[in-house]
Amino acid sequence: MATTAQNIFLTKKEKLRCIKCGKNIPKGKSFVAESENHRGTCFNCSPFVGYVMLPPGDAAMTRRSKKHSTLCGVVLAWNQRRKRYERQGQLVEEIAIEKARLECKKDQAARNEKNKKAAIVREVKDKEYKINFARAIRKRYPNCPTNREFSIAQHACEKYSGRVGRTANAKQFDAKMIDLAVEAHIRHAETNYDDQFGKGKSKKEIRSEIRYDINHILKQWKG
């Protein structure tokens, strides 16, 4: 029988109310529900009291501990910069973690070898993606300085950076994503944008001041 999974939000809202005990759930505390916009309970009224938090980072432990646990609480915290909820780990039964640890220990060598091969494949694919992204930049901006497309792609597509080149649309070589990557490069490499901070101006003001220069260069590079 499949394990029942439930979201547990470290809520970003100022106040929520538990449907069981009626108490308020303050900002940053656990709210057990499908989403923050659905009715739910505080942690003390949830079935996860006594469960153990398993941090993220080990896919095998995450998968196997969930399999062995009656319930699995997926803990999600709000990332203000990215404007989205991100996984912080999962709550499972302590015995489930022990069973998962034993299973992982038995096949550790085989998984290490498999992961090593998979990492090589991912690295090759990532290099190919950056090259293709650079080609898409050159195609859209044929007057871009020689080889500049590669430095733009390298920066925009850097792993784990959260930059535009890592988005799903960018991986489809969406024109808007390419424009954003080129614009970001021009902002930092072709204008005095970075030098304007610390002079009493807001980020919005600085960007507004260099908007004309960016548009002018974009037009030149696009031809």
N, C-alpha and C. Protein backbone atom coordinates (compact mmCIF):
# COMPACT_ATOMS: atom_id res chain seq x y z
N MET A 1 0.85 -1.21 0.00
CA MET A 1 0.00 0.00 0.00
C MET A 1 0.88 1.25 0.00
N ALA A 2 0.55 2.19 -0.84
CA ALA A 2 1.36 3.40 -0.97
C ALA A 2 1.25 4.27 0.28
N THR A 3 2.35 4.91 0.62
CA THR A 3 2.38 5.81 1.77
C THR A 3 1.56 7.06 1.49
N THR A 4 0.79 7.49 2.47
CA THR A 4 0.02 8.72 2.34
C THR A 4 0.92 9.91 2.63
N ALA A 5 1.03 10.83 1.69
CA ALA A 5 1.86 12.02 1.85
C ALA A 5 0.99 13.23 2.12
N GLN A 6 1.50 14.13 2.96
CA GLN A 6 0.76 15.33 3.34
C GLN A 6 1.72 16.52 3.40
N ASN A 7 1.30 17.67 2.89
CA ASN A 7 2.11 18.87 2.96
C ASN A 7 2.06 19.49 4.36
N ILE A 8 3.22 19.95 4.83
CA ILE A 8 3.31 20.69 6.08
C ILE A 8 4.00 22.02 5.78
N PHE A 9 3.26 23.10 5.84
CA PHE A 9 3.79 24.41 5.47
C PHE A 9 4.31 25.16 6.69
N LEU A 10 5.54 25.66 6.59
CA LEU A 10 6.02 26.65 7.56
C LEU A 10 5.47 27.96 7.04
N THR A 11 4.28 28.29 7.48
CA THR A 11 3.43 29.26 6.82
C THR A 11 4.05 30.66 6.70
N LYS A 12 3.75 31.31 5.58
CA LYS A 12 4.20 32.69 5.36
C LYS A 12 3.11 33.68 5.75
N LYS A 13 1.94 33.19 6.09
CA LYS A 13 0.83 34.06 6.45
C LYS A 13 0.94 34.47 7.92
N GLU A 14 0.34 35.61 8.23
CA GLU A 14 0.43 36.14 9.59
C GLU A 14 -0.37 35.30 10.57
N LYS A 15 -1.50 34.77 10.10
CA LYS A 15 -2.34 34.04 11.04
C LYS A 15 -3.24 33.05 10.29
N LEU A 16 -3.24 31.81 10.76
CA LEU A 16 -4.15 30.78 10.27
C LEU A 16 -4.80 30.14 11.50
N ARG A 17 -5.88 29.41 11.28
CA ARG A 17 -6.58 28.80 12.41
C ARG A 17 -6.72 27.30 12.21
N CYS A 18 -6.42 26.54 13.25
CA CYS A 18 -6.53 25.08 13.21
C CYS A 18 -8.00 24.69 13.23
N ILE A 19 -8.41 23.79 12.35
CA ILE A 19 -9.82 23.38 12.27
C ILE A 19 -10.19 22.41 13.38
N LYS A 20 -9.21 21.91 14.12
CA LYS A 20 -9.52 20.97 15.21
C LYS A 20 -9.57 21.66 16.57
N CYS A 21 -8.49 22.33 16.97
CA CYS A 21 -8.45 22.97 18.29
C CYS A 21 -8.89 24.42 18.26
N GLY A 22 -8.94 25.02 17.07
CA GLY A 22 -9.38 26.39 16.94
C GLY A 22 -8.33 27.44 17.25
N LYS A 23 -7.12 27.02 17.59
CA LYS A 23 -6.07 27.97 17.94
C LYS A 23 -5.45 28.59 16.69
N ASN A 24 -4.94 29.82 16.85
CA ASN A 24 -4.26 30.48 15.75
C ASN A 24 -2.90 29.83 15.49
N ILE A 25 -2.51 29.79 14.22
CA ILE A 25 -1.20 29.26 13.82
C ILE A 25 -0.38 30.44 13.32
N PRO A 26 0.59 30.90 14.11
CA PRO A 26 1.36 32.09 13.73
C PRO A 26 2.24 31.86 12.51
N LYS A 27 2.71 32.95 11.94
CA LYS A 27 3.62 32.91 10.80
C LYS A 27 4.87 32.12 11.15
N GLY A 28 5.28 31.23 10.25
CA GLY A 28 6.49 30.44 10.45
C GLY A 28 6.27 29.12 11.15
N LYS A 29 5.05 28.90 11.66
CA LYS A 29 4.75 27.64 12.34
C LYS A 29 4.13 26.64 11.38
N SER A 30 4.09 25.38 11.78
CA SER A 30 3.63 24.30 10.90
C SER A 30 2.11 24.33 10.73
N PHE A 31 1.71 24.26 9.47
CA PHE A 31 0.30 24.22 9.09
C PHE A 31 0.12 23.02 8.17
N VAL A 32 -0.65 22.04 8.59
CA VAL A 32 -0.80 20.79 7.84
C VAL A 32 -2.05 20.86 6.98
N ALA A 33 -1.84 20.96 5.68
CA ALA A 33 -2.97 21.11 4.75
C ALA A 33 -2.47 20.89 3.33
N GLU A 34 -3.39 20.83 2.38
CA GLU A 34 -3.03 20.68 0.97
C GLU A 34 -2.28 21.92 0.50
N SER A 35 -2.72 23.08 0.96
CA SER A 35 -2.05 24.35 0.67
C SER A 35 -2.44 25.34 1.75
N GLU A 36 -1.79 26.50 1.76
CA GLU A 36 -2.15 27.51 2.76
C GLU A 36 -3.56 28.06 2.54
N ASN A 37 -4.09 27.86 1.37
CA ASN A 37 -5.43 28.36 1.07
C ASN A 37 -6.52 27.34 1.38
N HIS A 38 -6.13 26.17 1.90
CA HIS A 38 -7.09 25.15 2.28
C HIS A 38 -7.20 25.08 3.80
N ARG A 39 -8.25 24.49 4.27
CA ARG A 39 -8.41 24.28 5.71
C ARG A 39 -7.41 23.22 6.17
N GLY A 40 -6.87 23.41 7.38
CA GLY A 40 -5.90 22.46 7.89
C GLY A 40 -5.75 22.56 9.39
N THR A 41 -4.76 21.86 9.92
CA THR A 41 -4.56 21.81 11.37
C THR A 41 -3.19 22.34 11.78
N CYS A 42 -3.05 22.63 13.06
CA CYS A 42 -1.74 22.92 13.61
C CYS A 42 -0.98 21.60 13.73
N PHE A 43 0.31 21.68 14.00
CA PHE A 43 1.11 20.46 14.06
C PHE A 43 0.66 19.55 15.21
N ASN A 44 0.30 20.13 16.36
CA ASN A 44 -0.08 19.32 17.51
C ASN A 44 -1.36 18.52 17.29
N CYS A 45 -2.19 18.98 16.38
CA CYS A 45 -3.43 18.26 16.07
C CYS A 45 -3.29 17.34 14.86
N SER A 46 -2.09 17.31 14.29
CA SER A 46 -1.84 16.47 13.12
C SER A 46 -1.37 15.08 13.56
N PRO A 47 -1.36 14.12 12.66
CA PRO A 47 -0.88 12.78 13.00
C PRO A 47 0.63 12.64 12.99
N PHE A 48 1.35 13.77 12.84
CA PHE A 48 2.80 13.70 12.70
C PHE A 48 3.56 13.93 14.01
N VAL A 49 2.83 14.09 15.10
CA VAL A 49 3.49 14.23 16.40
C VAL A 49 4.26 12.94 16.70
N GLY A 50 5.55 13.08 17.01
CA GLY A 50 6.38 11.90 17.27
C GLY A 50 7.15 11.42 16.06
N TYR A 51 6.84 11.97 14.89
CA TYR A 51 7.58 11.62 13.68
C TYR A 51 8.94 12.33 13.69
N VAL A 52 9.88 11.84 12.88
CA VAL A 52 11.24 12.36 12.86
C VAL A 52 11.50 13.08 11.54
N MET A 53 12.20 14.21 11.62
CA MET A 53 12.53 15.00 10.43
C MET A 53 13.74 14.40 9.73
N LEU A 54 13.58 14.08 8.45
CA LEU A 54 14.69 13.62 7.62
C LEU A 54 15.05 14.74 6.66
N PRO A 55 16.25 15.32 6.77
CA PRO A 55 16.64 16.42 5.88
C PRO A 55 16.77 15.95 4.43
N PRO A 56 16.72 16.88 3.47
CA PRO A 56 16.91 16.51 2.06
C PRO A 56 18.38 16.26 1.77
N GLY A 57 18.66 15.75 0.59
CA GLY A 57 20.05 15.58 0.18
C GLY A 57 20.44 14.17 -0.19
N ASP A 58 19.69 13.19 0.32
CA ASP A 58 19.97 11.79 0.01
C ASP A 58 18.70 11.19 -0.59
N ALA A 59 18.68 11.09 -1.92
CA ALA A 59 17.47 10.65 -2.62
C ALA A 59 17.05 9.24 -2.21
N ALA A 60 18.02 8.35 -2.00
CA ALA A 60 17.70 6.98 -1.64
C ALA A 60 17.06 6.92 -0.25
N MET A 61 17.62 7.65 0.71
CA MET A 61 17.04 7.69 2.05
C MET A 61 15.64 8.31 2.01
N THR A 62 15.47 9.36 1.25
CA THR A 62 14.17 10.01 1.14
C THR A 62 13.13 9.06 0.58
N ARG A 63 13.48 8.39 -0.50
CA ARG A 63 12.55 7.47 -1.16
C ARG A 63 12.22 6.27 -0.28
N ARG A 64 13.24 5.67 0.32
CA ARG A 64 13.03 4.44 1.08
C ARG A 64 12.36 4.69 2.43
N SER A 65 12.70 5.78 3.09
CA SER A 65 12.06 6.07 4.37
C SER A 65 10.57 6.36 4.17
N LYS A 66 10.24 7.02 3.07
CA LYS A 66 8.83 7.26 2.75
C LYS A 66 8.10 5.94 2.53
N LYS A 67 8.76 5.03 1.84
CA LYS A 67 8.16 3.72 1.55
C LYS A 67 7.82 2.96 2.83
N HIS A 68 8.67 3.07 3.85
CA HIS A 68 8.50 2.29 5.07
C HIS A 68 7.65 2.99 6.14
N SER A 69 7.27 4.24 5.88
CA SER A 69 6.51 5.00 6.87
C SER A 69 5.01 4.98 6.54
N THR A 70 4.19 4.92 7.58
CA THR A 70 2.74 4.93 7.37
C THR A 70 2.31 6.24 6.72
N LEU A 71 2.85 7.35 7.24
CA LEU A 71 2.58 8.67 6.68
C LEU A 71 3.90 9.37 6.37
N CYS A 72 3.83 10.34 5.47
CA CYS A 72 5.01 11.14 5.15
C CYS A 72 4.59 12.61 5.07
N GLY A 73 5.18 13.42 5.92
CA GLY A 73 4.87 14.85 5.92
C GLY A 73 5.95 15.63 5.19
N VAL A 74 5.62 16.21 4.05
CA VAL A 74 6.58 16.98 3.26
C VAL A 74 6.62 18.41 3.80
N VAL A 75 7.75 18.79 4.40
CA VAL A 75 7.87 20.11 5.03
C VAL A 75 8.32 21.14 4.00
N LEU A 76 7.54 22.22 3.87
CA LEU A 76 7.78 23.24 2.86
C LEU A 76 7.91 24.61 3.51
N ALA A 77 8.95 25.36 3.14
CA ALA A 77 9.16 26.71 3.66
C ALA A 77 9.16 27.71 2.51
N TRP A 78 8.66 28.90 2.76
CA TRP A 78 8.54 29.94 1.74
C TRP A 78 9.89 30.59 1.49
N ASN A 79 10.29 30.63 0.21
CA ASN A 79 11.51 31.34 -0.19
C ASN A 79 11.07 32.70 -0.73
N GLN A 80 11.34 33.74 0.04
CA GLN A 80 10.87 35.07 -0.33
C GLN A 80 11.51 35.56 -1.62
N ARG A 81 12.80 35.23 -1.83
CA ARG A 81 13.49 35.71 -3.03
C ARG A 81 12.92 35.08 -4.29
N ARG A 82 12.65 33.78 -4.22
CA ARG A 82 12.15 33.07 -5.40
C ARG A 82 10.63 33.03 -5.48
N LYS A 83 9.98 33.53 -4.43
CA LYS A 83 8.52 33.60 -4.40
C LYS A 83 7.87 32.22 -4.61
N ARG A 84 8.36 31.25 -3.85
CA ARG A 84 7.78 29.92 -3.96
C ARG A 84 8.13 29.11 -2.71
N TYR A 85 7.36 28.03 -2.50
CA TYR A 85 7.67 27.12 -1.40
C TYR A 85 8.75 26.14 -1.85
N GLU A 86 9.66 25.82 -0.94
CA GLU A 86 10.73 24.87 -1.24
C GLU A 86 10.79 23.80 -0.17
N ARG A 87 11.11 22.61 -0.60
CA ARG A 87 11.13 21.45 0.30
C ARG A 87 12.29 21.55 1.30
N GLN A 88 11.98 21.32 2.57
CA GLN A 88 12.98 21.36 3.63
C GLN A 88 13.33 19.97 4.16
N GLY A 89 12.56 18.98 3.75
CA GLY A 89 12.76 17.62 4.24
C GLY A 89 11.42 16.95 4.41
N GLN A 90 11.41 15.82 5.12
CA GLN A 90 10.15 15.13 5.33
C GLN A 90 10.10 14.51 6.72
N LEU A 91 8.89 14.43 7.26
CA LEU A 91 8.66 13.80 8.55
C LEU A 91 8.17 12.38 8.31
N VAL A 92 8.88 11.41 8.87
CA VAL A 92 8.52 10.01 8.74
C VAL A 92 8.73 9.32 10.09
N GLU A 93 8.26 8.09 10.20
CA GLU A 93 8.44 7.34 11.44
C GLU A 93 9.92 6.99 11.63
N GLU A 94 10.35 6.98 12.87
CA GLU A 94 11.76 6.70 13.17
C GLU A 94 12.17 5.32 12.68
N ILE A 95 11.30 4.33 12.81
CA ILE A 95 11.62 2.97 12.36
C ILE A 95 11.80 2.94 10.84
N ALA A 96 11.09 3.82 10.14
CA ALA A 96 11.21 3.90 8.67
C ALA A 96 12.60 4.38 8.28
N ILE A 97 13.14 5.34 9.04
CA ILE A 97 14.48 5.84 8.77
C ILE A 97 15.52 4.75 9.01
N GLU A 98 15.34 3.97 10.06
CA GLU A 98 16.29 2.88 10.36
C GLU A 98 16.26 1.81 9.28
N LYS A 99 15.07 1.45 8.82
CA LYS A 99 14.96 0.46 7.74
C LYS A 99 15.61 0.99 6.46
N ALA A 100 15.37 2.26 6.16
CA ALA A 100 15.95 2.87 4.96
C ALA A 100 17.47 2.90 5.06
N ARG A 101 17.99 3.20 6.25
CA ARG A 101 19.44 3.28 6.45
C ARG A 101 20.09 1.90 6.22
N LEU A 102 19.46 0.85 6.69
CA LEU A 102 19.99 -0.51 6.49
C LEU A 102 19.98 -0.88 5.01
N GLU A 103 18.90 -0.55 4.31
CA GLU A 103 18.82 -0.84 2.88
C GLU A 103 19.89 -0.09 2.11
N CYS A 104 20.09 1.17 2.46
CA CYS A 104 21.09 1.99 1.77
C CYS A 104 22.51 1.47 2.02
N LYS A 105 22.75 0.98 3.22
CA LYS A 105 24.07 0.46 3.56
C LYS A 105 24.41 -0.78 2.74
N LYS A 106 23.40 -1.61 2.48
CA LYS A 106 23.61 -2.87 1.75
C LYS A 106 24.03 -2.63 0.30
N ASP A 107 23.45 -1.62 -0.33
CA ASP A 107 23.75 -1.43 -1.76
C ASP A 107 24.48 -0.11 -2.02
N GLN A 108 25.21 0.39 -1.02
CA GLN A 108 25.90 1.66 -1.14
C GLN A 108 26.90 1.69 -2.30
N ALA A 109 27.70 0.61 -2.41
CA ALA A 109 28.74 0.56 -3.45
C ALA A 109 28.12 0.61 -4.85
N ALA A 110 27.05 -0.18 -5.04
CA ALA A 110 26.39 -0.22 -6.35
C ALA A 110 25.77 1.13 -6.69
N ARG A 111 25.17 1.79 -5.70
CA ARG A 111 24.55 3.09 -5.94
C ARG A 111 25.59 4.17 -6.21
N ASN A 112 26.74 4.07 -5.53
CA ASN A 112 27.82 5.03 -5.77
C ASN A 112 28.31 4.96 -7.21
N GLU A 113 28.45 3.73 -7.72
CA GLU A 113 28.91 3.54 -9.09
C GLU A 113 27.87 4.07 -10.09
N LYS A 114 26.61 3.77 -9.79
CA LYS A 114 25.53 4.23 -10.66
C LYS A 114 25.45 5.76 -10.66
N ASN A 115 25.59 6.36 -9.48
CA ASN A 115 25.54 7.82 -9.37
C ASN A 115 26.72 8.48 -10.08
N LYS A 116 27.89 7.83 -10.01
CA LYS A 116 29.07 8.36 -10.69
C LYS A 116 28.86 8.41 -12.19
N LYS A 117 28.32 7.34 -12.76
CA LYS A 117 28.05 7.29 -14.19
C LYS A 117 26.98 8.32 -14.57
N ALA A 118 25.95 8.43 -13.72
CA ALA A 118 24.87 9.38 -14.01
C ALA A 118 25.39 10.82 -13.97
N ALA A 119 26.32 11.10 -13.05
CA ALA A 119 26.89 12.45 -12.94
C ALA A 119 27.66 12.83 -14.20
N ILE A 120 28.37 11.86 -14.77
CA ILE A 120 29.13 12.11 -16.00
C ILE A 120 28.18 12.44 -17.15
N VAL A 121 27.10 11.66 -17.23
CA VAL A 121 26.10 11.88 -18.28
C VAL A 121 25.47 13.27 -18.12
N ARG A 122 25.13 13.64 -16.87
CA ARG A 122 24.52 14.95 -16.62
C ARG A 122 25.48 16.08 -16.98
N GLU A 123 26.76 15.89 -16.70
CA GLU A 123 27.75 16.92 -17.00
C GLU A 123 27.87 17.13 -18.51
N VAL A 124 27.86 16.04 -19.26
CA VAL A 124 27.94 16.12 -20.72
C VAL A 124 26.71 16.84 -21.27
N LYS A 125 25.54 16.46 -20.76
CA LYS A 125 24.30 17.08 -21.22
C LYS A 125 24.25 18.57 -20.87
N ASP A 126 24.79 18.92 -19.69
CA ASP A 126 24.79 20.32 -19.28
C ASP A 126 25.68 21.16 -20.19
N LYS A 127 26.84 20.60 -20.57
CA LYS A 127 27.73 21.30 -21.49
C LYS A 127 27.07 21.49 -22.84
N GLU A 128 26.38 20.45 -23.30
CA GLU A 128 25.67 20.54 -24.58
C GLU A 128 24.58 21.60 -24.53
N TYR A 129 23.89 21.66 -23.40
CA TYR A 129 22.82 22.64 -23.24
C TYR A 129 23.36 24.06 -23.30
N LYS A 130 24.48 24.31 -22.62
CA LYS A 130 25.07 25.65 -22.62
C LYS A 130 25.53 26.06 -24.02
N ILE A 131 26.08 25.09 -24.75
CA ILE A 131 26.50 25.38 -26.13
C ILE A 131 25.29 25.73 -26.99
N ASN A 132 24.22 24.95 -26.84
CA ASN A 132 23.01 25.21 -27.63
C ASN A 132 22.34 26.52 -27.23
N PHE A 133 22.43 26.85 -25.94
CA PHE A 133 21.87 28.12 -25.48
C PHE A 133 22.67 29.28 -26.08
N ALA A 134 23.98 29.11 -26.14
CA ALA A 134 24.85 30.13 -26.75
C ALA A 134 24.52 30.30 -28.23
N ARG A 135 24.28 29.19 -28.91
CA ARG A 135 23.92 29.26 -30.33
C ARG A 135 22.59 29.99 -30.52
N ALA A 136 21.65 29.75 -29.60
CA ALA A 136 20.35 30.43 -29.68
C ALA A 136 20.53 31.94 -29.46
N ILE A 137 21.45 32.30 -28.58
CA ILE A 137 21.75 33.72 -28.36
C ILE A 137 22.32 34.34 -29.64
N ARG A 138 23.29 33.65 -30.24
CA ARG A 138 23.92 34.16 -31.47
C ARG A 138 22.90 34.30 -32.59
N LYS A 139 21.98 33.36 -32.69
CA LYS A 139 20.96 33.41 -33.73
C LYS A 139 20.03 34.60 -33.54
N ARG A 140 19.69 34.87 -32.27
CA ARG A 140 18.76 35.98 -31.98
C ARG A 140 19.48 37.32 -31.96
N TYR A 141 20.76 37.30 -31.62
CA TYR A 141 21.56 38.53 -31.57
C TYR A 141 22.82 38.35 -32.42
N PRO A 142 22.67 38.37 -33.74
CA PRO A 142 23.79 38.09 -34.64
C PRO A 142 24.94 39.10 -34.56
N ASN A 143 24.67 40.31 -34.06
CA ASN A 143 25.72 41.32 -33.94
C ASN A 143 26.35 41.38 -32.56
N CYS A 144 26.03 40.41 -31.74
CA CYS A 144 26.66 40.30 -30.42
C CYS A 144 28.17 40.14 -30.61
N PRO A 145 29.02 40.77 -29.78
CA PRO A 145 30.48 40.65 -29.94
C PRO A 145 30.93 39.19 -30.02
N THR A 146 31.98 38.95 -30.76
CA THR A 146 32.48 37.60 -31.00
C THR A 146 32.70 36.82 -29.71
N ASN A 147 32.12 35.63 -29.67
CA ASN A 147 32.23 34.69 -28.55
C ASN A 147 31.56 35.15 -27.26
N ARG A 148 30.92 36.31 -27.31
CA ARG A 148 30.26 36.81 -26.10
C ARG A 148 29.08 35.91 -25.71
N GLU A 149 28.49 35.25 -26.70
CA GLU A 149 27.34 34.40 -26.41
C GLU A 149 27.68 33.27 -25.44
N PHE A 150 28.94 32.82 -25.49
CA PHE A 150 29.34 31.71 -24.61
C PHE A 150 29.46 32.15 -23.16
N SER A 151 29.97 33.35 -22.93
CA SER A 151 30.06 33.84 -21.55
C SER A 151 28.68 34.15 -21.00
N ILE A 152 27.78 34.63 -21.85
CA ILE A 152 26.40 34.88 -21.43
C ILE A 152 25.72 33.57 -21.04
N ALA A 153 25.87 32.57 -21.89
CA ALA A 153 25.26 31.27 -21.62
C ALA A 153 25.84 30.62 -20.37
N GLN A 154 27.15 30.73 -20.21
CA GLN A 154 27.81 30.12 -19.05
C GLN A 154 27.26 30.70 -17.75
N HIS A 155 27.08 32.01 -17.73
CA HIS A 155 26.58 32.68 -16.53
C HIS A 155 25.10 32.40 -16.30
N ALA A 156 24.30 32.53 -17.35
CA ALA A 156 22.85 32.38 -17.23
C ALA A 156 22.44 30.94 -16.91
N CYS A 157 23.24 29.97 -17.35
CA CYS A 157 22.88 28.56 -17.21
C CYS A 157 23.65 27.85 -16.11
N GLU A 158 24.32 28.60 -15.26
CA GLU A 158 25.10 27.98 -14.19
C GLU A 158 24.19 27.15 -13.28
N LYS A 159 24.62 25.95 -12.96
CA LYS A 159 23.83 25.04 -12.13
C LYS A 159 23.57 25.63 -10.75
N TYR A 160 22.35 25.39 -10.27
CA TYR A 160 21.93 25.77 -8.91
C TYR A 160 21.96 27.28 -8.67
N SER A 161 22.09 28.06 -9.73
CA SER A 161 22.17 29.51 -9.56
C SER A 161 20.79 30.16 -9.44
N GLY A 162 19.78 29.46 -9.96
CA GLY A 162 18.44 30.03 -9.97
C GLY A 162 18.27 31.09 -11.05
N ARG A 163 19.28 31.22 -11.92
CA ARG A 163 19.21 32.25 -12.96
C ARG A 163 18.30 31.80 -14.10
N VAL A 164 18.06 32.74 -15.00
CA VAL A 164 17.06 32.53 -16.04
C VAL A 164 17.36 31.30 -16.91
N GLY A 165 18.64 30.99 -17.11
CA GLY A 165 19.00 29.86 -17.97
C GLY A 165 18.65 28.50 -17.41
N ARG A 166 18.29 28.45 -16.12
CA ARG A 166 17.93 27.17 -15.51
C ARG A 166 16.42 26.94 -15.51
N THR A 167 15.66 27.89 -16.03
CA THR A 167 14.21 27.74 -16.03
C THR A 167 13.77 26.78 -17.14
N ALA A 168 12.57 26.25 -16.97
CA ALA A 168 12.03 25.31 -17.95
C ALA A 168 11.87 25.97 -19.33
N ASN A 169 11.42 27.22 -19.35
CA ASN A 169 11.24 27.92 -20.62
C ASN A 169 12.56 28.16 -21.33
N ALA A 170 13.60 28.46 -20.54
CA ALA A 170 14.92 28.69 -21.14
C ALA A 170 15.42 27.42 -21.81
N LYS A 171 15.12 26.28 -21.21
CA LYS A 171 15.58 25.01 -21.77
C LYS A 171 14.85 24.66 -23.06
N GLN A 172 13.77 25.40 -23.33
CA GLN A 172 13.08 25.28 -24.61
C GLN A 172 13.54 26.39 -25.56
N PHE A 173 14.58 27.14 -25.13
CA PHE A 173 15.15 28.25 -25.90
C PHE A 173 14.09 29.30 -26.24
N ASP A 174 13.26 29.58 -25.24
CA ASP A 174 12.23 30.60 -25.38
C ASP A 174 12.89 31.97 -25.60
N ALA A 175 12.37 32.72 -26.57
CA ALA A 175 12.97 34.01 -26.94
C ALA A 175 13.01 34.98 -25.77
N LYS A 176 11.98 35.00 -24.95
CA LYS A 176 11.93 35.91 -23.81
C LYS A 176 13.05 35.59 -22.82
N MET A 177 13.29 34.29 -22.59
CA MET A 177 14.33 33.88 -21.65
C MET A 177 15.72 34.26 -22.18
N ILE A 178 15.89 34.13 -23.48
CA ILE A 178 17.17 34.52 -24.11
C ILE A 178 17.37 36.03 -23.96
N ASP A 179 16.31 36.79 -24.20
CA ASP A 179 16.39 38.25 -24.05
C ASP A 179 16.78 38.63 -22.62
N LEU A 180 16.20 37.96 -21.64
CA LEU A 180 16.49 38.27 -20.25
C LEU A 180 17.94 37.97 -19.90
N ALA A 181 18.45 36.87 -20.44
CA ALA A 181 19.84 36.49 -20.18
C ALA A 181 20.80 37.52 -20.79
N VAL A 182 20.52 37.93 -22.02
CA VAL A 182 21.36 38.92 -22.69
C VAL A 182 21.26 40.27 -21.99
N GLU A 183 20.06 40.64 -21.61
CA GLU A 183 19.86 41.91 -20.92
C GLU A 183 20.63 41.95 -19.60
N ALA A 184 20.59 40.85 -18.85
CA ALA A 184 21.32 40.79 -17.58
C ALA A 184 22.82 40.96 -17.81
N HIS A 185 23.33 40.33 -18.85
CA HIS A 185 24.75 40.45 -19.17
C HIS A 185 25.11 41.90 -19.52
N ILE A 186 24.30 42.52 -20.36
CA ILE A 186 24.55 43.91 -20.75
C ILE A 186 24.52 44.82 -19.52
N ARG A 187 23.57 44.58 -18.66
CA ARG A 187 23.44 45.41 -17.46
C ARG A 187 24.73 45.43 -16.64
N HIS A 188 25.34 44.27 -16.49
CA HIS A 188 26.54 44.18 -15.64
C HIS A 188 27.84 44.45 -16.41
N ALA A 189 27.88 44.09 -17.69
CA ALA A 189 29.13 44.18 -18.44
C ALA A 189 29.26 45.41 -19.33
N GLU A 190 28.13 46.03 -19.69
CA GLU A 190 28.18 47.13 -20.66
C GLU A 190 27.69 48.46 -20.09
N THR A 191 27.25 48.49 -18.84
CA THR A 191 26.80 49.75 -18.23
C THR A 191 27.50 49.93 -16.88
N ASN A 192 27.23 51.07 -16.25
CA ASN A 192 27.83 51.35 -14.93
C ASN A 192 26.89 50.92 -13.80
N TYR A 193 26.03 49.97 -14.08
CA TYR A 193 25.01 49.51 -13.12
C TYR A 193 25.61 49.15 -11.76
N ASP A 194 26.63 48.30 -11.75
CA ASP A 194 27.19 47.82 -10.48
C ASP A 194 27.85 48.93 -9.68
N ASP A 195 28.30 49.98 -10.35
CA ASP A 195 28.99 51.07 -9.65
C ASP A 195 28.03 52.04 -8.97
N GLN A 196 26.75 51.94 -9.26
CA GLN A 196 25.78 52.90 -8.75
C GLN A 196 25.24 52.57 -7.36
N PHE A 197 25.49 51.35 -6.91
CA PHE A 197 24.99 50.97 -5.60
C PHE A 197 25.82 51.63 -4.50
N GLY A 198 25.17 51.93 -3.39
CA GLY A 198 25.86 52.59 -2.28
C GLY A 198 25.90 54.10 -2.41
N LYS A 199 25.14 54.63 -3.37
CA LYS A 199 25.14 56.08 -3.59
C LYS A 199 23.77 56.70 -3.28
N GLY A 200 23.01 55.98 -2.50
CA GLY A 200 21.71 56.50 -2.07
C GLY A 200 20.58 56.26 -3.04
N LYS A 201 20.82 55.48 -4.09
CA LYS A 201 19.78 55.20 -5.07
C LYS A 201 19.20 53.80 -4.84
N SER A 202 17.93 53.66 -5.14
CA SER A 202 17.31 52.35 -5.03
C SER A 202 17.63 51.53 -6.27
N LYS A 203 17.46 50.22 -6.16
CA LYS A 203 17.71 49.34 -7.30
C LYS A 203 16.80 49.71 -8.47
N LYS A 204 15.56 50.06 -8.16
CA LYS A 204 14.60 50.43 -9.19
C LYS A 204 15.05 51.68 -9.93
N GLU A 205 15.56 52.66 -9.19
CA GLU A 205 16.04 53.90 -9.79
C GLU A 205 17.23 53.66 -10.71
N ILE A 206 18.16 52.83 -10.23
CA ILE A 206 19.36 52.54 -11.02
C ILE A 206 19.00 51.85 -12.32
N ARG A 207 18.10 50.90 -12.22
CA ARG A 207 17.68 50.17 -13.44
C ARG A 207 16.96 51.09 -14.42
N SER A 208 16.19 52.01 -13.88
CA SER A 208 15.48 52.94 -14.73
C SER A 208 16.46 53.85 -15.48
N GLU A 209 17.52 54.27 -14.80
CA GLU A 209 18.51 55.17 -15.41
C GLU A 209 19.28 54.52 -16.56
N ILE A 210 19.50 53.21 -16.47
CA ILE A 210 20.29 52.54 -17.51
C ILE A 210 19.42 51.85 -18.56
N ARG A 211 18.10 52.02 -18.44
CA ARG A 211 17.19 51.34 -19.35
C ARG A 211 17.44 51.71 -20.81
N TYR A 212 17.67 52.99 -21.06
CA TYR A 212 17.91 53.45 -22.43
C TYR A 212 19.17 52.80 -22.99
N ASP A 213 20.25 52.79 -22.21
CA ASP A 213 21.51 52.20 -22.68
C ASP A 213 21.35 50.72 -23.01
N ILE A 214 20.63 50.00 -22.16
CA ILE A 214 20.42 48.57 -22.39
C ILE A 214 19.63 48.36 -23.68
N ASN A 215 18.55 49.10 -23.85
CA ASN A 215 17.73 48.95 -25.06
C ASN A 215 18.52 49.29 -26.32
N HIS A 216 19.36 50.30 -26.21
CA HIS A 216 20.19 50.71 -27.35
C HIS A 216 21.15 49.59 -27.76
N ILE A 217 21.80 48.97 -26.77
CA ILE A 217 22.75 47.88 -27.06
C ILE A 217 22.01 46.65 -27.58
N LEU A 218 20.87 46.35 -26.98
CA LEU A 218 20.07 45.21 -27.44
C LEU A 218 19.72 45.38 -28.92
N LYS A 219 19.33 46.60 -29.29
CA LYS A 219 18.97 46.87 -30.68
C LYS A 219 20.17 46.71 -31.60
N GLN A 220 21.34 47.17 -31.17
CA GLN A 220 22.55 47.02 -31.97
C GLN A 220 22.91 45.55 -32.16
N TRP A 221 22.86 44.80 -31.07
CA TRP A 221 23.25 43.39 -31.15
C TRP A 221 22.26 42.57 -31.97
N LYS A 222 21.00 42.99 -31.94
CA LYS A 222 19.99 42.24 -32.69
C LYS A 222 20.06 42.59 -34.17
N GLY A 223 20.52 43.80 -34.47
CA GLY A 223 20.68 44.21 -35.86
C GLY A 223 19.38 44.43 -36.57
